[in-house]
């Protein structure tokens, strides 16, 4: 029993470390490429685990609260899965990116067709933002992605994609539905309140899954940097530009609902689950696409840590607005 308790305490401690622990995994993946190659085959399993844990992270009652008044969630999901992909992918075509760099174009289309990262609710919670709203938006986007992603890939990529858009959509549906079913069964057969009491341990398991995933996707990045450092630096800068640009733009667009909520939506829109799309394609993508995929993890894991002071400022603004007036 002591060993079980020690494992539980270890998971809770790891969950409290949050983004700091995961950020170190990026460095480890670059420093030990053999470890990245070893873990690469289990990327789909890590993705499935992260999604399942995300469905466990927020109480269903909180989620139902947003679905009872779905206006904000629907608006955020429409912005994520319709407006941003159409405008961005259309812009890529207009500026000739498909001809200039087909692999980079495929990576960006896959990214725009992706739902929010599965860790979005956990990141939002650790930053003091509205995790329930983040999960609600992620859930709706996840449900829509098998359909919308198939349509976008058919329209913007077409026959050049080695995997049919229909097959990709079905694989996405199986991943999303399967993880939701596992999370539902865990809640169904657990004692009342048990899942909520395991919040820090769930975060710890999520960190482990993120750790495995982050190391694995660094496979080949170190060798590519040694061979073409300017290219890698340029692609890395692009990944930050995309993530931070979408986060800032979305926060401004949704500022009408409150800056703290807008920031939670912005983080979800800016940090997209390209890994889910890669898993659905069985990693059968060009080298440039995989390079962008690997480097896109840096803004995902580092941005929440960098933006944490800004999130705290937003939550202080929220708290001042809801605080009762001081009696004279």
C-alpha atoms as a PDB file:
ATOM      1  CA  UNK A   1       0.000   0.000   0.000  1.00  0.00           C
ATOM      2  CA  UNK A   2       2.873   2.332   0.737  1.00  0.00           C
ATOM      3  CA  UNK A   3       4.240   1.835  -2.761  1.00  0.00           C
ATOM      4  CA  UNK A   4       0.823   2.635  -4.268  1.00  0.00           C
ATOM      5  CA  UNK A   5       0.582   5.769  -2.129  1.00  0.00           C
ATOM      6  CA  UNK A   6       4.103   6.776  -3.179  1.00  0.00           C
ATOM      7  CA  UNK A   7       3.189   6.391  -6.847  1.00  0.00           C
ATOM      8  CA  UNK A   8       0.083   8.506  -6.282  1.00  0.00           C
ATOM      9  CA  UNK A   9       2.097  11.211  -4.529  1.00  0.00           C
ATOM     10  CA  UNK A  10       4.649  11.120  -7.328  1.00  0.00           C
ATOM     11  CA  UNK A  11       1.941  11.583  -9.964  1.00  0.00           C
ATOM     12  CA  UNK A  12       0.403  14.465  -7.994  1.00  0.00           C
ATOM     13  CA  UNK A  13       3.813  16.147  -7.696  1.00  0.00           C
ATOM     14  CA  UNK A  14       4.420  15.688 -11.420  1.00  0.00           C
ATOM     15  CA  UNK A  15       0.994  17.147 -12.179  1.00  0.00           C
ATOM     16  CA  UNK A  16       1.882  20.252 -10.178  1.00  0.00           C
ATOM     17  CA  UNK A  17       5.039  20.754 -12.245  1.00  0.00           C
ATOM     18  CA  UNK A  18       2.902  21.167 -15.343  1.00  0.00           C
ATOM     19  CA  UNK A  19       4.503  22.781 -18.354  1.00  0.00           C
ATOM     20  CA  UNK A  20       7.975  22.996 -16.777  1.00  0.00           C
ATOM     21  CA  UNK A  21       8.365  19.215 -16.740  1.00  0.00           C
ATOM     22  CA  UNK A  22       7.097  18.824 -20.277  1.00  0.00           C
ATOM     23  CA  UNK A  23       9.284  21.616 -21.662  1.00  0.00           C
ATOM     24  CA  UNK A  24      12.318  19.664 -20.484  1.00  0.00           C
ATOM     25  CA  UNK A  25      11.192  16.726 -22.622  1.00  0.00           C
ATOM     26  CA  UNK A  26      11.747  18.790 -25.765  1.00  0.00           C
ATOM     27  CA  UNK A  27      15.351  19.362 -24.778  1.00  0.00           C
ATOM     28  CA  UNK A  28      15.779  15.681 -23.908  1.00  0.00           C
ATOM     29  CA  UNK A  29      14.369  14.634 -27.280  1.00  0.00           C
ATOM     30  CA  UNK A  30      16.870  16.870 -29.066  1.00  0.00           C
ATOM     31  CA  UNK A  31      19.803  15.821 -26.881  1.00  0.00           C
ATOM     32  CA  UNK A  32      19.121  12.076 -27.079  1.00  0.00           C
ATOM     33  CA  UNK A  33      17.809  11.362 -30.605  1.00  0.00           C
ATOM     34  CA  UNK A  34      18.023   7.598 -29.977  1.00  0.00           C
ATOM     35  CA  UNK A  35      15.377   7.985 -27.274  1.00  0.00           C
ATOM     36  CA  UNK A  36      13.168   9.941 -29.684  1.00  0.00           C
ATOM     37  CA  UNK A  37      13.447   7.159 -32.280  1.00  0.00           C
ATOM     38  CA  UNK A  38      12.622   4.560 -29.607  1.00  0.00           C
ATOM     39  CA  UNK A  39       9.433   6.334 -28.510  1.00  0.00           C
ATOM     40  CA  UNK A  40       8.200   7.363 -31.968  1.00  0.00           C
ATOM     41  CA  UNK A  41       6.229   4.117 -32.584  1.00  0.00           C
ATOM     42  CA  UNK A  42       4.004   4.738 -29.547  1.00  0.00           C
ATOM     43  CA  UNK A  43       3.001   8.283 -30.519  1.00  0.00           C
ATOM     44  CA  UNK A  44      -0.577   7.179 -31.426  1.00  0.00           C
ATOM     45  CA  UNK A  45      -0.988   5.539 -28.000  1.00  0.00           C
ATOM     46  CA  UNK A  46       0.314   8.672 -26.254  1.00  0.00           C
ATOM     47  CA  UNK A  47      -2.126  10.803 -28.238  1.00  0.00           C
ATOM     48  CA  UNK A  48      -5.019   8.515 -27.291  1.00  0.00           C
ATOM     49  CA  UNK A  49      -4.010   8.687 -23.621  1.00  0.00           C
ATOM     50  CA  UNK A  50      -3.784  12.499 -23.665  1.00  0.00           C
ATOM     51  CA  UNK A  51      -7.230  12.821 -25.193  1.00  0.00           C
ATOM     52  CA  UNK A  52      -8.750  10.404 -22.676  1.00  0.00           C
ATOM     53  CA  UNK A  53      -7.177  12.291 -19.770  1.00  0.00           C
ATOM     54  CA  UNK A  54      -8.445  15.572 -21.206  1.00  0.00           C
ATOM     55  CA  UNK A  55     -12.001  14.237 -21.130  1.00  0.00           C
ATOM     56  CA  UNK A  56     -11.429  13.316 -17.466  1.00  0.00           C
ATOM     57  CA  UNK A  57      -9.920  16.677 -16.498  1.00  0.00           C
ATOM     58  CA  UNK A  58     -13.074  18.772 -16.096  1.00  0.00           C
ATOM     59  CA  UNK A  59     -16.265  17.804 -14.296  1.00  0.00           C
ATOM     60  CA  UNK A  60     -19.169  17.018 -16.674  1.00  0.00           C
ATOM     61  CA  UNK A  61     -21.382  19.393 -14.678  1.00  0.00           C
ATOM     62  CA  UNK A  62     -19.113  22.293 -15.612  1.00  0.00           C
ATOM     63  CA  UNK A  63     -19.147  21.191 -19.227  1.00  0.00           C
ATOM     64  CA  UNK A  64     -22.943  20.933 -19.242  1.00  0.00           C
ATOM     65  CA  UNK A  65     -23.103  24.479 -17.946  1.00  0.00           C
ATOM     66  CA  UNK A  66     -21.564  25.783 -21.144  1.00  0.00           C
ATOM     67  CA  UNK A  67     -23.608  23.509 -23.388  1.00  0.00           C
ATOM     68  CA  UNK A  68     -26.755  24.756 -21.678  1.00  0.00           C
ATOM     69  CA  UNK A  69     -25.847  28.204 -23.063  1.00  0.00           C
ATOM     70  CA  UNK A  70     -23.950  27.190 -26.178  1.00  0.00           C
ATOM     71  CA  UNK A  71     -23.670  30.563 -27.904  1.00  0.00           C
ATOM     72  CA  UNK A  72     -20.059  31.268 -26.921  1.00  0.00           C
ATOM     73  CA  UNK A  73     -18.928  27.668 -27.490  1.00  0.00           C
ATOM     74  CA  UNK A  74     -20.564  27.533 -30.927  1.00  0.00           C
ATOM     75  CA  UNK A  75     -19.024  30.871 -31.919  1.00  0.00           C
ATOM     76  CA  UNK A  76     -15.561  29.773 -30.774  1.00  0.00           C
ATOM     77  CA  UNK A  77     -15.854  26.393 -32.503  1.00  0.00           C
ATOM     78  CA  UNK A  78     -17.051  28.010 -35.749  1.00  0.00           C
ATOM     79  CA  UNK A  79     -14.102  30.393 -35.618  1.00  0.00           C
ATOM     80  CA  UNK A  80     -11.734  27.463 -35.015  1.00  0.00           C
ATOM     81  CA  UNK A  81     -12.981  24.917 -37.554  1.00  0.00           C
ATOM     82  CA  UNK A  82     -14.398  27.179 -40.290  1.00  0.00           C
ATOM     83  CA  UNK A  83     -13.150  30.764 -40.344  1.00  0.00           C
ATOM     84  CA  UNK A  84      -9.474  30.264 -39.474  1.00  0.00           C
ATOM     85  CA  UNK A  85      -8.841  27.232 -41.753  1.00  0.00           C
ATOM     86  CA  UNK A  86     -10.598  28.714 -44.781  1.00  0.00           C
ATOM     87  CA  UNK A  87      -8.897  32.106 -44.545  1.00  0.00           C
ATOM     88  CA  UNK A  88      -5.458  30.677 -43.741  1.00  0.00           C
ATOM     89  CA  UNK A  89      -5.443  27.900 -46.328  1.00  0.00           C
ATOM     90  CA  UNK A  90      -6.880  30.240 -48.928  1.00  0.00           C
ATOM     91  CA  UNK A  91      -4.065  32.686 -48.171  1.00  0.00           C
ATOM     92  CA  UNK A  92      -1.465  29.938 -48.549  1.00  0.00           C
ATOM     93  CA  UNK A  93      -2.807  29.090 -52.000  1.00  0.00           C
ATOM     94  CA  UNK A  94      -2.949  32.771 -52.970  1.00  0.00           C
ATOM     95  CA  UNK A  95       0.725  33.270 -52.063  1.00  0.00           C
ATOM     96  CA  UNK A  96       1.887  30.174 -53.938  1.00  0.00           C
ATOM     97  CA  UNK A  97       2.998  28.103 -50.938  1.00  0.00           C
ATOM     98  CA  UNK A  98       1.820  24.749 -52.441  1.00  0.00           C
ATOM     99  CA  UNK A  99       4.257  25.087 -55.355  1.00  0.00           C
ATOM    100  CA  UNK A 100       7.088  26.624 -53.309  1.00  0.00           C
ATOM    101  CA  UNK A 101       7.072  24.023 -50.512  1.00  0.00           C
ATOM    102  CA  UNK A 102       4.543  21.171 -50.797  1.00  0.00           C
ATOM    103  CA  UNK A 103       5.652  19.580 -47.515  1.00  0.00           C
ATOM    104  CA  UNK A 104       5.301  22.822 -45.572  1.00  0.00           C
ATOM    105  CA  UNK A 105       1.944  23.498 -47.236  1.00  0.00           C
ATOM    106  CA  UNK A 106       0.684  20.046 -46.200  1.00  0.00           C
ATOM    107  CA  UNK A 107       1.839  20.660 -42.623  1.00  0.00           C
ATOM    108  CA  UNK A 108       0.012  23.992 -42.431  1.00  0.00           C
ATOM    109  CA  UNK A 109      -3.191  22.596 -43.958  1.00  0.00           C
ATOM    110  CA  UNK A 110      -3.116  19.684 -41.506  1.00  0.00           C
ATOM    111  CA  UNK A 111      -2.546  22.129 -38.671  1.00  0.00           C
ATOM    112  CA  UNK A 112      -5.414  24.390 -39.698  1.00  0.00           C
ATOM    113  CA  UNK A 113      -7.712  21.356 -40.053  1.00  0.00           C
ATOM    114  CA  UNK A 114      -6.811  20.178 -36.531  1.00  0.00           C
ATOM    115  CA  UNK A 115      -8.860  20.636 -33.349  1.00  0.00           C
ATOM    116  CA  UNK A 116      -7.317  22.248 -30.253  1.00  0.00           C
ATOM    117  CA  UNK A 117      -4.570  20.304 -28.516  1.00  0.00           C
ATOM    118  CA  UNK A 118      -5.853  17.774 -26.024  1.00  0.00           C
ATOM    119  CA  UNK A 119      -3.872  19.431 -23.249  1.00  0.00           C
ATOM    120  CA  UNK A 120      -5.678  22.760 -23.773  1.00  0.00           C
ATOM    121  CA  UNK A 121      -7.985  22.316 -20.737  1.00  0.00           C
ATOM    122  CA  UNK A 122      -5.056  21.251 -18.549  1.00  0.00           C
ATOM    123  CA  UNK A 123      -2.955  24.200 -19.733  1.00  0.00           C
ATOM    124  CA  UNK A 124      -5.881  26.556 -19.129  1.00  0.00           C
ATOM    125  CA  UNK A 125      -6.381  25.155 -15.623  1.00  0.00           C
ATOM    126  CA  UNK A 126      -2.705  25.511 -14.741  1.00  0.00           C
ATOM    127  CA  UNK A 127      -2.740  29.108 -15.995  1.00  0.00           C
ATOM    128  CA  UNK A 128      -5.806  29.949 -13.919  1.00  0.00           C
ATOM    129  CA  UNK A 129      -8.073  30.307 -16.961  1.00  0.00           C
ATOM    130  CA  UNK A 130     -11.487  28.790 -17.659  1.00  0.00           C
ATOM    131  CA  UNK A 131     -10.703  25.096 -18.182  1.00  0.00           C
ATOM    132  CA  UNK A 132     -14.370  24.168 -18.633  1.00  0.00           C
ATOM    133  CA  UNK A 133     -14.751  26.612 -21.518  1.00  0.00           C
ATOM    134  CA  UNK A 134     -11.547  25.314 -23.075  1.00  0.00           C
ATOM    135  CA  UNK A 135     -12.767  21.731 -22.813  1.00  0.00           C
ATOM    136  CA  UNK A 136     -16.197  22.630 -24.216  1.00  0.00           C
ATOM    137  CA  UNK A 137     -14.626  24.273 -27.270  1.00  0.00           C
ATOM    138  CA  UNK A 138     -12.193  21.394 -27.688  1.00  0.00           C
ATOM    139  CA  UNK A 139     -14.996  18.828 -27.441  1.00  0.00           C
ATOM    140  CA  UNK A 140     -17.144  20.485 -30.119  1.00  0.00           C
ATOM    141  CA  UNK A 141     -14.127  20.918 -32.402  1.00  0.00           C
ATOM    142  CA  UNK A 142     -13.152  17.281 -31.861  1.00  0.00           C
ATOM    143  CA  UNK A 143     -16.628  16.138 -32.867  1.00  0.00           C
ATOM    144  CA  UNK A 144     -16.539  18.276 -36.019  1.00  0.00           C
ATOM    145  CA  UNK A 145     -12.951  17.542 -37.042  1.00  0.00           C
ATOM    146  CA  UNK A 146     -13.481  14.106 -38.672  1.00  0.00           C
ATOM    147  CA  UNK A 147     -15.878  15.767 -41.118  1.00  0.00           C
ATOM    148  CA  UNK A 148     -14.250  19.175 -41.586  1.00  0.00           C
ATOM    149  CA  UNK A 149     -10.699  17.826 -41.812  1.00  0.00           C
ATOM    150  CA  UNK A 150     -11.716  15.377 -44.525  1.00  0.00           C
ATOM    151  CA  UNK A 151     -13.351  18.196 -46.498  1.00  0.00           C
ATOM    152  CA  UNK A 152     -10.404  20.577 -46.143  1.00  0.00           C
ATOM    153  CA  UNK A 153      -7.862  17.932 -47.137  1.00  0.00           C
ATOM    154  CA  UNK A 154      -9.967  16.912 -50.115  1.00  0.00           C
ATOM    155  CA  UNK A 155     -10.336  20.526 -51.224  1.00  0.00           C
ATOM    156  CA  UNK A 156      -6.867  21.923 -50.487  1.00  0.00           C
ATOM    157  CA  UNK A 157      -4.686  18.814 -50.952  1.00  0.00           C
ATOM    158  CA  UNK A 158      -6.783  16.492 -53.107  1.00  0.00           C
ATOM    159  CA  UNK A 159      -5.263  13.396 -54.705  1.00  0.00           C
ATOM    160  CA  UNK A 160      -1.743  14.352 -53.572  1.00  0.00           C
ATOM    161  CA  UNK A 161      -2.591  13.063 -50.083  1.00  0.00           C
ATOM    162  CA  UNK A 162      -1.457   9.434 -49.799  1.00  0.00           C
ATOM    163  CA  UNK A 163      -4.352   8.612 -47.450  1.00  0.00           C
ATOM    164  CA  UNK A 164      -7.916   9.168 -48.612  1.00  0.00           C
ATOM    165  CA  UNK A 165      -9.733  11.959 -46.831  1.00  0.00           C
ATOM    166  CA  UNK A 166     -12.576   9.573 -45.972  1.00  0.00           C
ATOM    167  CA  UNK A 167     -10.207   7.082 -44.328  1.00  0.00           C
ATOM    168  CA  UNK A 168      -8.532   9.879 -42.399  1.00  0.00           C
ATOM    169  CA  UNK A 169     -11.910  11.128 -41.195  1.00  0.00           C
ATOM    170  CA  UNK A 170     -12.901   7.647 -40.032  1.00  0.00           C
ATOM    171  CA  UNK A 171      -9.615   7.207 -38.163  1.00  0.00           C
ATOM    172  CA  UNK A 172     -10.099  10.555 -36.461  1.00  0.00           C
ATOM    173  CA  UNK A 173     -13.620   9.539 -35.482  1.00  0.00           C
ATOM    174  CA  UNK A 174     -12.371   6.278 -33.950  1.00  0.00           C
ATOM    175  CA  UNK A 175      -9.658   8.063 -31.941  1.00  0.00           C
ATOM    176  CA  UNK A 176     -12.022  10.732 -30.608  1.00  0.00           C
ATOM    177  CA  UNK A 177     -14.967   8.423 -29.926  1.00  0.00           C
ATOM    178  CA  UNK A 178     -12.775   5.740 -28.360  1.00  0.00           C
ATOM    179  CA  UNK A 179     -11.082   8.109 -25.924  1.00  0.00           C
ATOM    180  CA  UNK A 180     -14.425   9.666 -24.962  1.00  0.00           C
ATOM    181  CA  UNK A 181     -15.843   6.180 -24.334  1.00  0.00           C
ATOM    182  CA  UNK A 182     -12.927   5.197 -22.085  1.00  0.00           C
ATOM    183  CA  UNK A 183     -13.282   8.387 -20.040  1.00  0.00           C
ATOM    184  CA  UNK A 184     -17.041   7.805 -19.745  1.00  0.00           C
ATOM    185  CA  UNK A 185     -16.529   4.239 -18.532  1.00  0.00           C
ATOM    186  CA  UNK A 186     -13.992   5.360 -15.919  1.00  0.00           C
ATOM    187  CA  UNK A 187     -16.488   7.857 -14.549  1.00  0.00           C
ATOM    188  CA  UNK A 188     -19.349   5.371 -14.773  1.00  0.00           C
ATOM    189  CA  UNK A 189     -17.640   2.684 -12.702  1.00  0.00           C
ATOM    190  CA  UNK A 190     -15.890   4.990 -10.207  1.00  0.00           C
ATOM    191  CA  UNK A 191     -17.217   6.033  -6.844  1.00  0.00           C
ATOM    192  CA  UNK A 192     -18.939   9.439  -6.761  1.00  0.00           C
ATOM    193  CA  UNK A 193     -16.348  12.190  -6.537  1.00  0.00           C
ATOM    194  CA  UNK A 194     -13.410   9.810  -7.067  1.00  0.00           C
ATOM    195  CA  UNK A 195     -12.322  11.261 -10.423  1.00  0.00           C
ATOM    196  CA  UNK A 196     -12.486  14.824  -9.106  1.00  0.00           C
ATOM    197  CA  UNK A 197     -10.308  13.823  -6.154  1.00  0.00           C
ATOM    198  CA  UNK A 198      -7.673  12.475  -8.533  1.00  0.00           C
ATOM    199  CA  UNK A 199      -7.256  15.779 -10.384  1.00  0.00           C
ATOM    200  CA  UNK A 200      -3.552  16.220  -9.667  1.00  0.00           C
ATOM    201  CA  UNK A 201      -2.838  12.564 -10.428  1.00  0.00           C
ATOM    202  CA  UNK A 202      -4.675  12.894 -13.750  1.00  0.00           C
ATOM    203  CA  UNK A 203      -2.499  15.918 -14.504  1.00  0.00           C
ATOM    204  CA  UNK A 204       0.546  13.821 -13.614  1.00  0.00           C
ATOM    205  CA  UNK A 205      -0.479  11.068 -16.033  1.00  0.00           C
ATOM    206  CA  UNK A 206      -1.087  13.736 -18.657  1.00  0.00           C
ATOM    207  CA  UNK A 207       2.428  15.084 -18.123  1.00  0.00           C
ATOM    208  CA  UNK A 208       3.853  11.586 -18.644  1.00  0.00           C
ATOM    209  CA  UNK A 209       1.905  11.170 -21.894  1.00  0.00           C
ATOM    210  CA  UNK A 210       2.991  14.623 -23.030  1.00  0.00           C
ATOM    211  CA  UNK A 211       6.557  13.761 -22.048  1.00  0.00           C
ATOM    212  CA  UNK A 212       6.567  10.626 -24.230  1.00  0.00           C
ATOM    213  CA  UNK A 213       4.913  12.469 -27.088  1.00  0.00           C
ATOM    214  CA  UNK A 214       7.237  15.491 -26.965  1.00  0.00           C
ATOM    215  CA  UNK A 215      10.378  13.362 -26.981  1.00  0.00           C
ATOM    216  CA  UNK A 216       9.115  11.153 -29.813  1.00  0.00           C
ATOM    217  CA  UNK A 217       8.260  14.003 -32.168  1.00  0.00           C
ATOM    218  CA  UNK A 218      11.806  15.356 -31.905  1.00  0.00           C
ATOM    219  CA  UNK A 219      12.980  12.343 -33.922  1.00  0.00           C
ATOM    220  CA  UNK A 220      15.168  13.597 -36.769  1.00  0.00           C
ATOM    221  CA  UNK A 221      15.064  17.269 -35.744  1.00  0.00           C
ATOM    222  CA  UNK A 222      18.603  17.300 -34.348  1.00  0.00           C
ATOM    223  CA  UNK A 223      20.097  15.770 -37.496  1.00  0.00           C
ATOM    224  CA  UNK A 224      18.142  18.206 -39.654  1.00  0.00           C
ATOM    225  CA  UNK A 225      19.432  21.140 -37.597  1.00  0.00           C
ATOM    226  CA  UNK A 226      23.033  20.014 -38.026  1.00  0.00           C
ATOM    227  CA  UNK A 227      22.542  19.685 -41.789  1.00  0.00           C
ATOM    228  CA  UNK A 228      20.426  22.813 -42.418  1.00  0.00           C
ATOM    229  CA  UNK A 229      20.384  25.082 -39.351  1.00  0.00           C
ATOM    230  CA  UNK A 230      18.903  28.125 -41.106  1.00  0.00           C
ATOM    231  CA  UNK A 231      15.995  26.095 -42.435  1.00  0.00           C
ATOM    232  CA  UNK A 232      15.202  24.658 -39.006  1.00  0.00           C
ATOM    233  CA  UNK A 233      15.400  28.080 -37.352  1.00  0.00           C
ATOM    234  CA  UNK A 234      13.124  29.550 -40.029  1.00  0.00           C
ATOM    235  CA  UNK A 235      10.532  26.793 -39.618  1.00  0.00           C
ATOM    236  CA  UNK A 236      10.714  27.131 -35.821  1.00  0.00           C
ATOM    237  CA  UNK A 237      10.091  30.881 -36.106  1.00  0.00           C
ATOM    238  CA  UNK A 238       7.103  30.144 -38.349  1.00  0.00           C
ATOM    239  CA  UNK A 239       5.596  27.761 -35.781  1.00  0.00           C
ATOM    240  CA  UNK A 240       5.779  30.465 -33.097  1.00  0.00           C
ATOM    241  CA  UNK A 241       4.355  33.058 -35.485  1.00  0.00           C
ATOM    242  CA  UNK A 242       1.375  30.837 -36.291  1.00  0.00           C
ATOM    243  CA  UNK A 243       0.673  29.889 -32.656  1.00  0.00           C
ATOM    244  CA  UNK A 244       1.114  33.331 -31.134  1.00  0.00           C
ATOM    245  CA  UNK A 245      -0.550  35.100 -34.054  1.00  0.00           C
ATOM    246  CA  UNK A 246      -3.700  32.962 -33.860  1.00  0.00           C
ATOM    247  CA  UNK A 247      -3.766  33.271 -30.072  1.00  0.00           C
ATOM    248  CA  UNK A 248      -3.523  37.069 -30.182  1.00  0.00           C
ATOM    249  CA  UNK A 249      -6.012  37.459 -33.038  1.00  0.00           C
ATOM    250  CA  UNK A 250      -8.563  35.162 -31.396  1.00  0.00           C
ATOM    251  CA  UNK A 251      -8.210  36.911 -28.041  1.00  0.00           C
ATOM    252  CA  UNK A 252      -8.979  40.225 -29.743  1.00  0.00           C
ATOM    253  CA  UNK A 253     -11.924  38.787 -31.706  1.00  0.00           C
ATOM    254  CA  UNK A 254     -13.511  37.323 -28.554  1.00  0.00           C
ATOM    255  CA  UNK A 255     -12.610  40.158 -26.177  1.00  0.00           C
ATOM    256  CA  UNK A 256     -16.337  40.960 -25.991  1.00  0.00           C
ATOM    257  CA  UNK A 257     -16.900  37.884 -23.760  1.00  0.00           C
ATOM    258  CA  UNK A 258     -14.280  38.950 -21.219  1.00  0.00           C
ATOM    259  CA  UNK A 259     -10.531  39.020 -21.639  1.00  0.00           C
ATOM    260  CA  UNK A 260      -9.931  35.935 -19.447  1.00  0.00           C
ATOM    261  CA  UNK A 261     -12.374  33.800 -21.447  1.00  0.00           C
ATOM    262  CA  UNK A 262     -11.097  35.240 -24.715  1.00  0.00           C
ATOM    263  CA  UNK A 263      -7.550  34.280 -23.766  1.00  0.00           C
ATOM    264  CA  UNK A 264      -8.643  30.709 -22.977  1.00  0.00           C
ATOM    265  CA  UNK A 265     -10.260  30.478 -26.415  1.00  0.00           C
ATOM    266  CA  UNK A 266      -7.195  32.074 -28.000  1.00  0.00           C
ATOM    267  CA  UNK A 267      -4.868  29.479 -26.534  1.00  0.00           C
ATOM    268  CA  UNK A 268      -7.114  26.677 -27.823  1.00  0.00           C
ATOM    269  CA  UNK A 269      -7.226  28.140 -31.342  1.00  0.00           C
ATOM    270  CA  UNK A 270      -3.519  28.960 -31.441  1.00  0.00           C
ATOM    271  CA  UNK A 271      -2.386  25.552 -30.236  1.00  0.00           C
ATOM    272  CA  UNK A 272      -3.777  22.985 -32.646  1.00  0.00           C
ATOM    273  CA  UNK A 273      -3.524  19.228 -32.416  1.00  0.00           C
ATOM    274  CA  UNK A 274      -1.381  18.501 -35.441  1.00  0.00           C
ATOM    275  CA  UNK A 275      -0.329  15.305 -33.681  1.00  0.00           C
ATOM    276  CA  UNK A 276      -3.855  13.922 -34.006  1.00  0.00           C
ATOM    277  CA  UNK A 277      -3.719  14.472 -37.746  1.00  0.00           C
ATOM    278  CA  UNK A 278      -0.270  12.889 -37.993  1.00  0.00           C
ATOM    279  CA  UNK A 279      -1.533   9.879 -36.036  1.00  0.00           C
ATOM    280  CA  UNK A 280      -4.507   9.556 -38.387  1.00  0.00           C
ATOM    281  CA  UNK A 281      -2.131   9.537 -41.365  1.00  0.00           C
ATOM    282  CA  UNK A 282       0.075   6.916 -39.634  1.00  0.00           C
ATOM    283  CA  UNK A 283       2.961   9.416 -39.908  1.00  0.00           C
ATOM    284  CA  UNK A 284       3.058   8.851 -43.685  1.00  0.00           C
ATOM    285  CA  UNK A 285       4.022  12.450 -44.425  1.00  0.00           C
ATOM    286  CA  UNK A 286       6.993  14.131 -46.185  1.00  0.00           C
ATOM    287  CA  UNK A 287      10.116  15.012 -44.224  1.00  0.00           C
ATOM    288  CA  UNK A 288       9.322  18.738 -44.255  1.00  0.00           C
ATOM    289  CA  UNK A 289       5.870  18.039 -42.825  1.00  0.00           C
ATOM    290  CA  UNK A 290       7.376  15.946 -40.017  1.00  0.00           C
ATOM    291  CA  UNK A 291       9.974  18.657 -39.333  1.00  0.00           C
ATOM    292  CA  UNK A 292       7.249  21.277 -38.954  1.00  0.00           C
ATOM    293  CA  UNK A 293       5.294  18.858 -36.772  1.00  0.00           C
ATOM    294  CA  UNK A 294       8.247  18.341 -34.455  1.00  0.00           C
ATOM    295  CA  UNK A 295       9.126  22.026 -34.207  1.00  0.00           C
ATOM    296  CA  UNK A 296       5.485  23.021 -33.670  1.00  0.00           C
ATOM    297  CA  UNK A 297       5.704  21.390 -30.247  1.00  0.00           C
ATOM    298  CA  UNK A 298       7.978  24.176 -28.995  1.00  0.00           C
ATOM    299  CA  UNK A 299       5.285  26.871 -28.979  1.00  0.00           C
ATOM    300  CA  UNK A 300       2.760  24.345 -27.630  1.00  0.00           C
ATOM    301  CA  UNK A 301       4.857  23.495 -24.580  1.00  0.00           C
ATOM    302  CA  UNK A 302       6.728  26.760 -24.060  1.00  0.00           C
ATOM    303  CA  UNK A 303       4.051  29.362 -24.783  1.00  0.00           C
ATOM    304  CA  UNK A 304       1.839  28.498 -21.761  1.00  0.00           C
ATOM    305  CA  UNK A 305       4.834  28.922 -19.484  1.00  0.00           C
ATOM    306  CA  UNK A 306       5.818  32.191 -21.172  1.00  0.00           C
ATOM    307  CA  UNK A 307       2.271  33.571 -21.120  1.00  0.00           C
ATOM    308  CA  UNK A 308       1.465  32.510 -17.558  1.00  0.00           C
ATOM    309  CA  UNK A 309       2.130  36.026 -16.129  1.00  0.00           C
ATOM    310  CA  UNK A 310      -0.239  37.491 -18.723  1.00  0.00           C
ATOM    311  CA  UNK A 311      -2.912  34.932 -17.809  1.00  0.00           C
ATOM    312  CA  UNK A 312      -2.543  35.830 -14.124  1.00  0.00           C
ATOM    313  CA  UNK A 313      -3.027  39.480 -14.997  1.00  0.00           C
ATOM    314  CA  UNK A 314      -6.230  38.646 -16.874  1.00  0.00           C
ATOM    315  CA  UNK A 315      -7.562  36.603 -13.955  1.00  0.00           C
ATOM    316  CA  UNK A 316      -6.797  39.474 -11.549  1.00  0.00           C
ATOM    317  CA  UNK A 317      -8.841  41.770 -13.797  1.00  0.00           C
ATOM    318  CA  UNK A 318     -11.677  39.235 -13.678  1.00  0.00           C
ATOM    319  CA  UNK A 319     -11.457  38.880  -9.907  1.00  0.00           C
ATOM    320  CA  UNK A 320     -11.590  42.656  -9.396  1.00  0.00           C
ATOM    321  CA  UNK A 321     -14.737  42.824 -11.513  1.00  0.00           C
ATOM    322  CA  UNK A 322     -16.565  40.115  -9.553  1.00  0.00           C
ATOM    323  CA  UNK A 323     -15.296  41.095  -6.094  1.00  0.00           C
ATOM    324  CA  UNK A 324     -17.929  42.681  -3.839  1.00  0.00           C
ATOM    325  CA  UNK A 325     -17.434  46.373  -3.098  1.00  0.00           C
ATOM    326  CA  UNK A 326     -15.540  47.238   0.077  1.00  0.00           C
ATOM    327  CA  UNK A 327     -17.909  48.574   2.733  1.00  0.00           C
ATOM    328  CA  UNK A 328     -17.277  52.164   3.797  1.00  0.00           C
END
